[in-house]
Amino acid sequence: MTSLSTPRPSDRWLLQVTIQSARADEVGWNEQRTVLRSVSSYDPVTQTWSTLIGVLDLASVHKLQALFDVVRTFGSAVWLEPVPVPAWWQEPSFESDSEVAALLAVKADEGRPLGQLPVA
């Protein structure tokens, strides 16, 4: 997986979801892998699964739900990170919502469990 710099607030960006599979017996591993294969791509170098999301439509929500279900069911690790839109990307992308991109960028390195934000 290539590490991309955090996009500037004015740039188009995507939400990159990266998952590291949890250790499991053969049955659990196969169940986990089946779901991950249906909504993400595997990188053998980093041994992680990832997907890019550029719009929150029904298909993206289903994809996120499948990924979060894998995390909940198997205890996989997950990271959310805003990344610049690659040149080959032909689908919609997020634009100008710098608050969301900035929040994801700040939270990406804090090691918080998925969905856990600081108490104000």
N, C-alpha and C. Protein backbone atom coordinates (compact mmCIF):
# COMPACT_ATOMS: atom_id res chain seq x y z
N MET A 1 0.85 -1.17 0.00
CA MET A 1 0.00 0.00 0.00
C MET A 1 0.89 1.23 0.00
N THR A 2 0.64 2.15 -0.88
CA THR A 2 1.40 3.39 -0.96
C THR A 2 0.84 4.38 0.04
N SER A 3 1.70 5.02 0.77
CA SER A 3 1.27 6.05 1.71
C SER A 3 1.17 7.37 0.97
N LEU A 4 0.01 7.97 1.00
CA LEU A 4 -0.22 9.24 0.32
C LEU A 4 -0.33 10.34 1.36
N SER A 5 0.07 11.52 0.98
CA SER A 5 -0.01 12.63 1.92
C SER A 5 -1.46 13.06 2.11
N THR A 6 -1.72 13.68 3.25
CA THR A 6 -3.06 14.19 3.53
C THR A 6 -3.40 15.30 2.55
N PRO A 7 -4.60 15.26 1.96
CA PRO A 7 -4.95 16.28 0.98
C PRO A 7 -5.09 17.66 1.61
N ARG A 8 -4.81 18.67 0.82
CA ARG A 8 -5.07 20.04 1.27
C ARG A 8 -6.58 20.25 1.27
N PRO A 9 -7.09 21.14 2.12
CA PRO A 9 -8.54 21.33 2.23
C PRO A 9 -9.24 21.64 0.90
N SER A 10 -8.55 22.26 -0.05
CA SER A 10 -9.20 22.63 -1.30
C SER A 10 -9.17 21.51 -2.34
N ASP A 11 -8.43 20.44 -2.07
CA ASP A 11 -8.28 19.36 -3.04
C ASP A 11 -9.45 18.39 -2.98
N ARG A 12 -9.60 17.65 -4.08
CA ARG A 12 -10.52 16.51 -4.08
C ARG A 12 -9.85 15.41 -3.28
N TRP A 13 -10.64 14.63 -2.55
CA TRP A 13 -10.07 13.59 -1.72
C TRP A 13 -11.01 12.39 -1.63
N LEU A 14 -10.45 11.28 -1.21
CA LEU A 14 -11.19 10.04 -1.02
C LEU A 14 -10.99 9.57 0.42
N LEU A 15 -11.92 8.79 0.89
CA LEU A 15 -11.76 8.15 2.18
C LEU A 15 -11.16 6.77 1.91
N GLN A 16 -9.97 6.54 2.44
CA GLN A 16 -9.34 5.22 2.31
C GLN A 16 -9.61 4.46 3.60
N VAL A 17 -10.22 3.28 3.46
CA VAL A 17 -10.48 2.41 4.59
C VAL A 17 -9.52 1.23 4.47
N THR A 18 -8.71 1.03 5.49
CA THR A 18 -7.73 -0.06 5.49
C THR A 18 -8.02 -0.98 6.67
N ILE A 19 -8.01 -2.28 6.40
CA ILE A 19 -8.30 -3.27 7.43
C ILE A 19 -7.19 -4.31 7.47
N GLN A 20 -6.75 -4.61 8.69
CA GLN A 20 -5.82 -5.71 8.90
C GLN A 20 -6.65 -6.84 9.50
N SER A 21 -6.68 -7.96 8.80
CA SER A 21 -7.49 -9.11 9.23
C SER A 21 -7.07 -9.59 10.60
N ALA A 22 -8.06 -10.04 11.35
CA ALA A 22 -7.78 -10.63 12.66
C ALA A 22 -7.37 -12.08 12.47
N ARG A 23 -6.55 -12.57 13.36
CA ARG A 23 -6.20 -13.99 13.33
C ARG A 23 -7.46 -14.79 13.67
N ALA A 24 -7.61 -15.90 12.98
CA ALA A 24 -8.79 -16.73 13.21
C ALA A 24 -8.49 -18.16 12.77
N ASP A 25 -9.34 -19.09 13.22
CA ASP A 25 -9.21 -20.46 12.73
C ASP A 25 -9.58 -20.47 11.25
N GLU A 26 -9.44 -21.60 10.61
CA GLU A 26 -9.64 -21.66 9.16
C GLU A 26 -11.05 -21.22 8.75
N VAL A 27 -12.06 -21.63 9.49
CA VAL A 27 -13.43 -21.27 9.16
C VAL A 27 -13.62 -19.76 9.32
N GLY A 28 -13.17 -19.20 10.44
CA GLY A 28 -13.28 -17.76 10.68
C GLY A 28 -12.51 -16.95 9.66
N TRP A 29 -11.31 -17.42 9.33
CA TRP A 29 -10.49 -16.72 8.33
C TRP A 29 -11.19 -16.70 6.98
N ASN A 30 -11.76 -17.83 6.58
CA ASN A 30 -12.45 -17.89 5.29
C ASN A 30 -13.69 -17.01 5.26
N GLU A 31 -14.44 -16.96 6.36
CA GLU A 31 -15.61 -16.08 6.43
C GLU A 31 -15.18 -14.61 6.32
N GLN A 32 -14.16 -14.26 7.07
CA GLN A 32 -13.63 -12.90 7.07
C GLN A 32 -13.14 -12.51 5.67
N ARG A 33 -12.38 -13.40 5.06
CA ARG A 33 -11.82 -13.15 3.73
C ARG A 33 -12.92 -13.02 2.67
N THR A 34 -13.96 -13.81 2.77
CA THR A 34 -15.07 -13.73 1.81
C THR A 34 -15.72 -12.36 1.83
N VAL A 35 -15.97 -11.85 3.02
CA VAL A 35 -16.59 -10.52 3.12
C VAL A 35 -15.62 -9.44 2.62
N LEU A 36 -14.36 -9.50 3.07
CA LEU A 36 -13.39 -8.49 2.67
C LEU A 36 -13.18 -8.47 1.16
N ARG A 37 -13.12 -9.63 0.54
CA ARG A 37 -12.95 -9.71 -0.92
C ARG A 37 -14.09 -9.05 -1.67
N SER A 38 -15.28 -9.09 -1.10
CA SER A 38 -16.45 -8.54 -1.79
C SER A 38 -16.47 -7.01 -1.81
N VAL A 39 -15.71 -6.37 -0.91
CA VAL A 39 -15.79 -4.91 -0.81
C VAL A 39 -14.43 -4.21 -0.79
N SER A 40 -13.34 -4.96 -0.91
CA SER A 40 -12.02 -4.33 -0.84
C SER A 40 -10.99 -5.13 -1.62
N SER A 41 -9.78 -4.60 -1.69
CA SER A 41 -8.68 -5.25 -2.40
C SER A 41 -7.58 -5.60 -1.41
N TYR A 42 -6.89 -6.70 -1.67
CA TYR A 42 -5.83 -7.16 -0.78
C TYR A 42 -4.47 -6.72 -1.30
N ASP A 43 -3.63 -6.24 -0.40
CA ASP A 43 -2.26 -5.87 -0.74
C ASP A 43 -1.33 -6.86 -0.04
N PRO A 44 -0.71 -7.79 -0.80
CA PRO A 44 0.14 -8.80 -0.17
C PRO A 44 1.40 -8.23 0.49
N VAL A 45 1.85 -7.07 0.06
CA VAL A 45 3.04 -6.47 0.64
C VAL A 45 2.77 -6.05 2.09
N THR A 46 1.66 -5.35 2.31
CA THR A 46 1.32 -4.88 3.67
C THR A 46 0.42 -5.85 4.41
N GLN A 47 -0.10 -6.84 3.69
CA GLN A 47 -1.05 -7.81 4.24
C GLN A 47 -2.27 -7.14 4.84
N THR A 48 -2.78 -6.14 4.10
CA THR A 48 -4.00 -5.43 4.52
C THR A 48 -4.99 -5.40 3.36
N TRP A 49 -6.22 -5.14 3.69
CA TRP A 49 -7.29 -4.95 2.73
C TRP A 49 -7.62 -3.47 2.72
N SER A 50 -7.97 -2.91 1.56
CA SER A 50 -8.34 -1.50 1.54
C SER A 50 -9.35 -1.22 0.43
N THR A 51 -10.04 -0.12 0.62
CA THR A 51 -10.99 0.35 -0.38
C THR A 51 -11.02 1.87 -0.33
N LEU A 52 -11.38 2.48 -1.43
CA LEU A 52 -11.50 3.93 -1.52
C LEU A 52 -12.96 4.30 -1.70
N ILE A 53 -13.38 5.34 -1.01
CA ILE A 53 -14.76 5.82 -1.10
C ILE A 53 -14.72 7.30 -1.42
N GLY A 54 -15.46 7.71 -2.43
CA GLY A 54 -15.46 9.11 -2.84
C GLY A 54 -16.80 9.80 -2.69
N VAL A 55 -17.82 9.06 -2.28
CA VAL A 55 -19.15 9.62 -2.09
C VAL A 55 -19.89 8.74 -1.10
N LEU A 56 -20.73 9.33 -0.28
CA LEU A 56 -21.52 8.53 0.66
C LEU A 56 -22.90 8.28 0.07
N ASP A 57 -22.94 7.33 -0.84
CA ASP A 57 -24.21 6.91 -1.42
C ASP A 57 -24.58 5.55 -0.83
N LEU A 58 -25.67 4.97 -1.29
CA LEU A 58 -26.14 3.71 -0.73
C LEU A 58 -25.10 2.60 -0.89
N ALA A 59 -24.46 2.52 -2.04
CA ALA A 59 -23.44 1.49 -2.26
C ALA A 59 -22.27 1.65 -1.29
N SER A 60 -21.83 2.88 -1.06
CA SER A 60 -20.72 3.13 -0.13
C SER A 60 -21.11 2.81 1.30
N VAL A 61 -22.34 3.12 1.67
CA VAL A 61 -22.80 2.80 3.02
C VAL A 61 -22.84 1.29 3.21
N HIS A 62 -23.29 0.54 2.21
CA HIS A 62 -23.28 -0.92 2.30
C HIS A 62 -21.85 -1.44 2.42
N LYS A 63 -20.93 -0.85 1.67
CA LYS A 63 -19.52 -1.26 1.73
C LYS A 63 -18.97 -0.99 3.13
N LEU A 64 -19.21 0.20 3.66
CA LEU A 64 -18.73 0.53 5.01
C LEU A 64 -19.35 -0.40 6.05
N GLN A 65 -20.64 -0.69 5.91
CA GLN A 65 -21.30 -1.58 6.87
C GLN A 65 -20.68 -2.96 6.85
N ALA A 66 -20.38 -3.48 5.66
CA ALA A 66 -19.74 -4.80 5.55
C ALA A 66 -18.37 -4.78 6.23
N LEU A 67 -17.60 -3.72 6.01
CA LEU A 67 -16.27 -3.61 6.63
C LEU A 67 -16.39 -3.49 8.16
N PHE A 68 -17.32 -2.68 8.64
CA PHE A 68 -17.49 -2.53 10.08
C PHE A 68 -18.00 -3.82 10.71
N ASP A 69 -18.82 -4.58 9.98
CA ASP A 69 -19.28 -5.87 10.49
C ASP A 69 -18.11 -6.84 10.66
N VAL A 70 -17.16 -6.82 9.73
CA VAL A 70 -15.97 -7.66 9.84
C VAL A 70 -15.17 -7.26 11.09
N VAL A 71 -15.04 -5.97 11.29
CA VAL A 71 -14.31 -5.48 12.47
C VAL A 71 -15.01 -5.95 13.75
N ARG A 72 -16.31 -5.76 13.81
CA ARG A 72 -17.07 -6.14 15.00
C ARG A 72 -17.06 -7.65 15.23
N THR A 73 -17.25 -8.41 14.18
CA THR A 73 -17.36 -9.86 14.29
C THR A 73 -16.03 -10.54 14.58
N PHE A 74 -14.98 -10.09 13.90
CA PHE A 74 -13.70 -10.81 13.99
C PHE A 74 -12.62 -10.07 14.78
N GLY A 75 -12.87 -8.80 15.11
CA GLY A 75 -11.86 -8.04 15.86
C GLY A 75 -10.73 -7.52 14.99
N SER A 76 -10.99 -7.36 13.71
CA SER A 76 -9.98 -6.82 12.79
C SER A 76 -9.67 -5.37 13.16
N ALA A 77 -8.50 -4.90 12.75
CA ALA A 77 -8.11 -3.51 12.97
C ALA A 77 -8.48 -2.70 11.72
N VAL A 78 -8.92 -1.46 11.92
CA VAL A 78 -9.34 -0.63 10.79
C VAL A 78 -8.80 0.78 10.95
N TRP A 79 -8.44 1.41 9.82
CA TRP A 79 -7.97 2.78 9.79
C TRP A 79 -8.76 3.54 8.73
N LEU A 80 -9.13 4.78 9.05
CA LEU A 80 -9.77 5.68 8.10
C LEU A 80 -8.81 6.82 7.84
N GLU A 81 -8.60 7.15 6.57
CA GLU A 81 -7.64 8.20 6.24
C GLU A 81 -8.07 8.93 4.97
N PRO A 82 -8.07 10.27 4.99
CA PRO A 82 -8.33 11.00 3.73
C PRO A 82 -7.08 10.95 2.87
N VAL A 83 -7.26 10.65 1.59
CA VAL A 83 -6.12 10.59 0.67
C VAL A 83 -6.45 11.39 -0.59
N PRO A 84 -5.44 11.94 -1.24
CA PRO A 84 -5.67 12.65 -2.50
C PRO A 84 -6.23 11.69 -3.56
N VAL A 85 -7.00 12.21 -4.47
CA VAL A 85 -7.57 11.41 -5.55
C VAL A 85 -6.46 11.01 -6.53
N PRO A 86 -6.25 9.70 -6.75
CA PRO A 86 -5.23 9.29 -7.71
C PRO A 86 -5.64 9.65 -9.14
N ALA A 87 -4.68 9.79 -10.01
CA ALA A 87 -4.95 10.20 -11.40
C ALA A 87 -5.88 9.24 -12.12
N TRP A 88 -5.85 7.94 -11.78
CA TRP A 88 -6.68 6.95 -12.47
C TRP A 88 -8.12 6.91 -11.98
N TRP A 89 -8.45 7.58 -10.89
CA TRP A 89 -9.78 7.53 -10.28
C TRP A 89 -10.80 8.23 -11.18
N GLN A 90 -11.83 7.52 -11.60
CA GLN A 90 -12.86 8.07 -12.49
C GLN A 90 -14.22 8.24 -11.81
N GLU A 91 -14.31 7.90 -10.55
CA GLU A 91 -15.58 7.97 -9.82
C GLU A 91 -15.67 9.29 -9.06
N PRO A 92 -16.82 9.55 -8.42
CA PRO A 92 -16.96 10.78 -7.63
C PRO A 92 -15.95 10.85 -6.50
N SER A 93 -15.68 12.05 -6.03
CA SER A 93 -14.77 12.24 -4.91
C SER A 93 -15.33 13.34 -4.01
N PHE A 94 -14.83 13.36 -2.79
CA PHE A 94 -15.22 14.42 -1.86
C PHE A 94 -14.49 15.69 -2.26
N GLU A 95 -15.14 16.82 -2.04
CA GLU A 95 -14.52 18.10 -2.36
C GLU A 95 -14.82 19.10 -1.26
N SER A 96 -13.89 19.93 -0.98
CA SER A 96 -14.00 21.14 -0.17
C SER A 96 -14.57 20.98 1.23
N ASP A 97 -14.77 19.78 1.71
CA ASP A 97 -15.22 19.62 3.08
C ASP A 97 -14.00 19.45 3.96
N SER A 98 -13.27 20.52 4.11
CA SER A 98 -11.99 20.47 4.80
C SER A 98 -12.12 20.05 6.26
N GLU A 99 -13.24 20.34 6.90
CA GLU A 99 -13.41 19.94 8.29
C GLU A 99 -13.37 18.43 8.44
N VAL A 100 -14.08 17.73 7.56
CA VAL A 100 -14.11 16.27 7.62
C VAL A 100 -12.72 15.72 7.32
N ALA A 101 -12.08 16.19 6.26
CA ALA A 101 -10.75 15.72 5.90
C ALA A 101 -9.76 16.00 7.02
N ALA A 102 -9.82 17.18 7.61
CA ALA A 102 -8.90 17.53 8.69
C ALA A 102 -9.13 16.65 9.92
N LEU A 103 -10.40 16.40 10.26
CA LEU A 103 -10.72 15.55 11.40
C LEU A 103 -10.19 14.14 11.18
N LEU A 104 -10.41 13.59 9.99
CA LEU A 104 -9.90 12.25 9.70
C LEU A 104 -8.38 12.21 9.76
N ALA A 105 -7.74 13.24 9.25
CA ALA A 105 -6.28 13.29 9.27
C ALA A 105 -5.75 13.31 10.70
N VAL A 106 -6.37 14.10 11.55
CA VAL A 106 -5.92 14.20 12.95
C VAL A 106 -6.16 12.89 13.68
N LYS A 107 -7.33 12.30 13.48
CA LYS A 107 -7.68 11.08 14.21
C LYS A 107 -6.94 9.85 13.70
N ALA A 108 -6.47 9.88 12.47
CA ALA A 108 -5.84 8.70 11.86
C ALA A 108 -4.62 8.23 12.65
N ASP A 109 -3.90 9.14 13.28
CA ASP A 109 -2.66 8.77 13.96
C ASP A 109 -2.80 8.67 15.48
N GLU A 110 -3.98 8.84 15.99
CA GLU A 110 -4.12 8.83 17.44
C GLU A 110 -4.33 7.46 18.04
N GLY A 111 -4.54 6.46 17.21
CA GLY A 111 -4.69 5.11 17.71
C GLY A 111 -6.01 4.85 18.44
N ARG A 112 -7.01 5.68 18.21
CA ARG A 112 -8.31 5.46 18.83
C ARG A 112 -9.02 4.30 18.15
N PRO A 113 -9.82 3.56 18.91
CA PRO A 113 -10.67 2.53 18.30
C PRO A 113 -11.64 3.19 17.31
N LEU A 114 -12.03 2.45 16.29
CA LEU A 114 -12.94 2.94 15.28
C LEU A 114 -14.20 3.52 15.92
N GLY A 115 -14.58 4.71 15.48
CA GLY A 115 -15.80 5.33 15.94
C GLY A 115 -15.69 6.06 17.26
N GLN A 116 -14.57 6.00 17.91
CA GLN A 116 -14.41 6.65 19.20
C GLN A 116 -13.77 8.02 19.00
N LEU A 117 -14.52 9.06 19.32
CA LEU A 117 -14.02 10.42 19.21
C LEU A 117 -13.76 10.97 20.61
N PRO A 118 -12.93 11.99 20.72
CA PRO A 118 -12.65 12.53 22.06
C PRO A 118 -13.88 13.17 22.66
N VAL A 119 -13.99 13.10 23.96
CA VAL A 119 -15.09 13.75 24.68
C VAL A 119 -14.75 15.22 24.79
N ALA A 120 -15.67 16.10 24.38
CA ALA A 120 -15.42 17.54 24.41
C ALA A 120 -15.53 18.10 25.81
